[in-house]
Amino acid sequence: MTRRDIFTDVAAILYPIPQPDPGEEHDDGFLAARDEAAEDQERAVENLRAAWDGGDQDPLIGALAGARRAKEEAEQRIRELIAYGREFVQPRPYTLGDLAAAAGMSISGTRTAYSHRDVAQVADATGAKPREWRASDPEDGQATA
């Protein structure tokens, strides 16, 4: 019986090995993805052990904190992409319905998902100029149009 430990278990959760669908042939792409995931697991085990041995970090707590950071970064990207679709695309912005469906949000949630700060970050990243806003920025209490 193989002895399990927290390092290999956390690595297996972070980098799952793809499993073939029943009756599906294993093409080169599937085999490459499987090999890559196995290599990612091995590297993760080494990194988790090194962090633990160095006294820096518990493997599970570190993985959870990393997943939370990734989630926050993904949420920020979603806000910026919505802002881009609404404030930068010309001649007409994307509809709230289309953006909501793509983001897995409600239309009202999409309408309020981004702020002036998100628009400014998109402008900085792209060099594009947003359309004029008529709403006030709650962070500074002043209208921006």
Protein backbone atom coordinates (compact mmCIF):
# COMPACT_ATOMS: atom_id res chain seq x y z
CA MET A 1 0.00 0.00 0.00
CA THR A 2 1.33 3.42 -0.99
CA ARG A 3 1.61 5.85 1.87
CA ARG A 4 -0.04 9.19 1.16
CA ASP A 5 1.12 12.47 2.55
CA ILE A 6 -0.16 16.02 2.50
CA PHE A 7 2.42 17.14 -0.07
CA THR A 8 1.41 14.62 -2.74
CA ASP A 9 -2.29 15.03 -1.96
CA VAL A 10 -2.20 18.83 -2.26
CA ALA A 11 -0.16 18.56 -5.47
CA ALA A 12 -2.73 16.10 -6.88
CA ILE A 13 -5.53 18.57 -6.12
CA LEU A 14 -3.63 21.50 -7.63
CA TYR A 15 -2.54 19.61 -10.76
CA PRO A 16 -4.99 16.78 -11.45
CA ILE A 17 -3.94 14.14 -13.95
CA PRO A 18 -6.39 14.17 -16.88
CA GLN A 19 -8.44 11.00 -17.13
CA PRO A 20 -9.65 9.71 -20.50
CA ASP A 21 -13.34 9.51 -21.20
CA PRO A 22 -14.57 5.91 -21.37
CA GLY A 23 -14.01 4.51 -24.85
CA GLU A 24 -12.00 7.53 -25.97
CA GLU A 25 -8.72 6.98 -27.76
CA HIS A 26 -5.58 8.50 -26.29
CA ASP A 27 -4.28 10.99 -28.81
CA ASP A 28 -0.92 12.76 -28.56
CA GLY A 29 -2.54 15.86 -27.08
CA PHE A 30 -4.11 13.88 -24.25
CA LEU A 31 -0.87 12.03 -23.52
CA ALA A 32 1.10 15.29 -23.52
CA ALA A 33 -1.41 16.91 -21.14
CA ARG A 34 -1.21 13.89 -18.84
CA ASP A 35 2.60 13.98 -18.82
CA GLU A 36 2.65 17.72 -18.20
CA ALA A 37 0.25 17.39 -15.26
CA ALA A 38 2.41 14.62 -13.77
CA GLU A 39 5.50 16.84 -14.09
CA ASP A 40 3.59 19.76 -12.53
CA GLN A 41 2.61 17.50 -9.62
CA GLU A 42 6.22 16.44 -9.07
CA ARG A 43 7.42 20.06 -9.08
CA ALA A 44 4.62 21.07 -6.72
CA VAL A 45 5.53 18.30 -4.27
CA GLU A 46 9.15 19.46 -4.30
CA ASN A 47 8.16 23.11 -3.80
CA LEU A 48 5.67 22.30 -1.04
CA ARG A 49 8.24 20.17 0.78
CA ALA A 50 10.92 22.83 0.41
CA ALA A 51 8.60 25.50 1.81
CA TRP A 52 7.67 23.22 4.71
CA ASP A 53 11.28 22.19 5.40
CA GLY A 54 12.34 25.82 5.33
CA GLY A 55 9.72 26.59 7.96
CA ASP A 56 8.04 29.01 5.60
CA GLN A 57 4.65 27.51 4.93
CA ASP A 58 2.18 24.75 5.67
CA PRO A 59 1.40 23.03 2.33
CA LEU A 60 -2.39 23.18 2.62
CA ILE A 61 -2.55 26.72 4.00
CA GLY A 62 -0.11 27.89 1.32
CA ALA A 63 -2.13 26.23 -1.44
CA LEU A 64 -5.36 27.78 -0.15
CA ALA A 65 -3.76 31.23 0.03
CA GLY A 66 -2.44 30.81 -3.51
CA ALA A 67 -5.86 29.73 -4.77
CA ARG A 68 -7.44 32.75 -3.10
CA ARG A 69 -4.92 35.08 -4.78
CA ALA A 70 -5.62 33.45 -8.15
CA LYS A 71 -9.36 33.91 -7.58
CA GLU A 72 -8.91 37.59 -6.71
CA GLU A 73 -6.74 38.11 -9.80
CA ALA A 74 -9.33 36.35 -11.98
CA GLU A 75 -12.10 38.52 -10.51
CA GLN A 76 -10.02 41.63 -11.29
CA ARG A 77 -9.50 40.47 -14.89
CA ILE A 78 -13.25 39.88 -15.22
CA ARG A 79 -13.98 43.41 -13.98
CA GLU A 80 -11.45 44.87 -16.41
CA LEU A 81 -12.77 42.83 -19.35
CA ILE A 82 -16.33 43.93 -18.58
CA ALA A 83 -15.14 47.54 -18.30
CA TYR A 84 -13.39 47.20 -21.66
CA GLY A 85 -16.50 45.75 -23.30
CA ARG A 86 -18.71 48.52 -21.95
CA GLU A 87 -16.44 51.55 -21.97
CA PHE A 88 -13.91 51.12 -24.76
CA VAL A 89 -15.49 49.16 -27.62
CA GLN A 90 -16.71 51.45 -30.41
CA PRO A 91 -19.04 52.32 -32.00
CA ARG A 92 -21.33 50.45 -29.58
CA PRO A 93 -20.41 48.73 -26.33
CA TYR A 94 -21.16 45.07 -25.80
CA THR A 95 -24.58 44.47 -24.31
CA LEU A 96 -24.91 43.83 -20.62
CA GLY A 97 -26.69 40.59 -21.47
CA ASP A 98 -23.83 39.24 -23.58
CA LEU A 99 -21.22 40.23 -20.99
CA ALA A 100 -23.32 38.82 -18.14
CA ALA A 101 -23.74 35.49 -19.90
CA ALA A 102 -20.01 35.21 -20.62
CA ALA A 103 -19.05 36.19 -17.06
CA GLY A 104 -21.67 34.00 -15.39
CA MET A 105 -23.27 37.03 -13.77
CA SER A 106 -26.65 38.71 -13.72
CA ILE A 107 -27.21 41.75 -15.91
CA SER A 108 -27.51 44.00 -12.86
CA GLY A 109 -24.35 42.48 -11.38
CA THR A 110 -22.52 43.13 -14.64
CA ARG A 111 -23.72 46.72 -14.71
CA THR A 112 -22.13 47.39 -11.32
CA ALA A 113 -19.17 44.98 -11.58
CA TYR A 114 -16.55 47.56 -12.48
CA SER A 115 -15.51 50.96 -11.24
CA HIS A 116 -13.71 54.04 -12.48
CA ARG A 117 -10.51 52.50 -11.13
CA ASP A 118 -11.04 49.44 -13.37
CA VAL A 119 -11.64 51.71 -16.36
CA ALA A 120 -8.44 53.60 -15.59
CA GLN A 121 -6.49 50.35 -15.36
CA VAL A 122 -7.83 49.25 -18.76
CA ALA A 123 -6.91 52.63 -20.23
CA ASP A 124 -3.39 52.31 -18.80
CA ALA A 125 -3.00 48.74 -20.06
CA THR A 126 -4.33 49.36 -23.57
CA GLY A 127 -3.61 53.02 -24.20
CA ALA A 128 -7.23 53.33 -25.36
CA LYS A 129 -9.50 56.17 -24.36
CA PRO A 130 -12.80 55.24 -22.69
CA ARG A 131 -16.09 56.77 -23.67
CA GLU A 132 -17.22 59.67 -21.51
CA TRP A 133 -18.78 58.69 -18.22
CA ARG A 134 -21.81 60.45 -16.89
CA ALA A 135 -21.85 58.66 -13.54
CA SER A 136 -19.96 59.99 -10.56
CA ASP A 137 -17.03 58.14 -9.09
CA PRO A 138 -17.99 57.14 -5.54
CA GLU A 139 -14.31 57.12 -4.59
CA ASP A 140 -13.83 60.83 -5.15
CA GLY A 141 -17.41 62.10 -5.04
CA GLN A 142 -17.05 64.00 -8.32
CA ALA A 143 -18.60 63.47 -11.73
CA THR A 144 -16.15 62.49 -14.44
CA ALA A 145 -17.98 63.55 -17.57
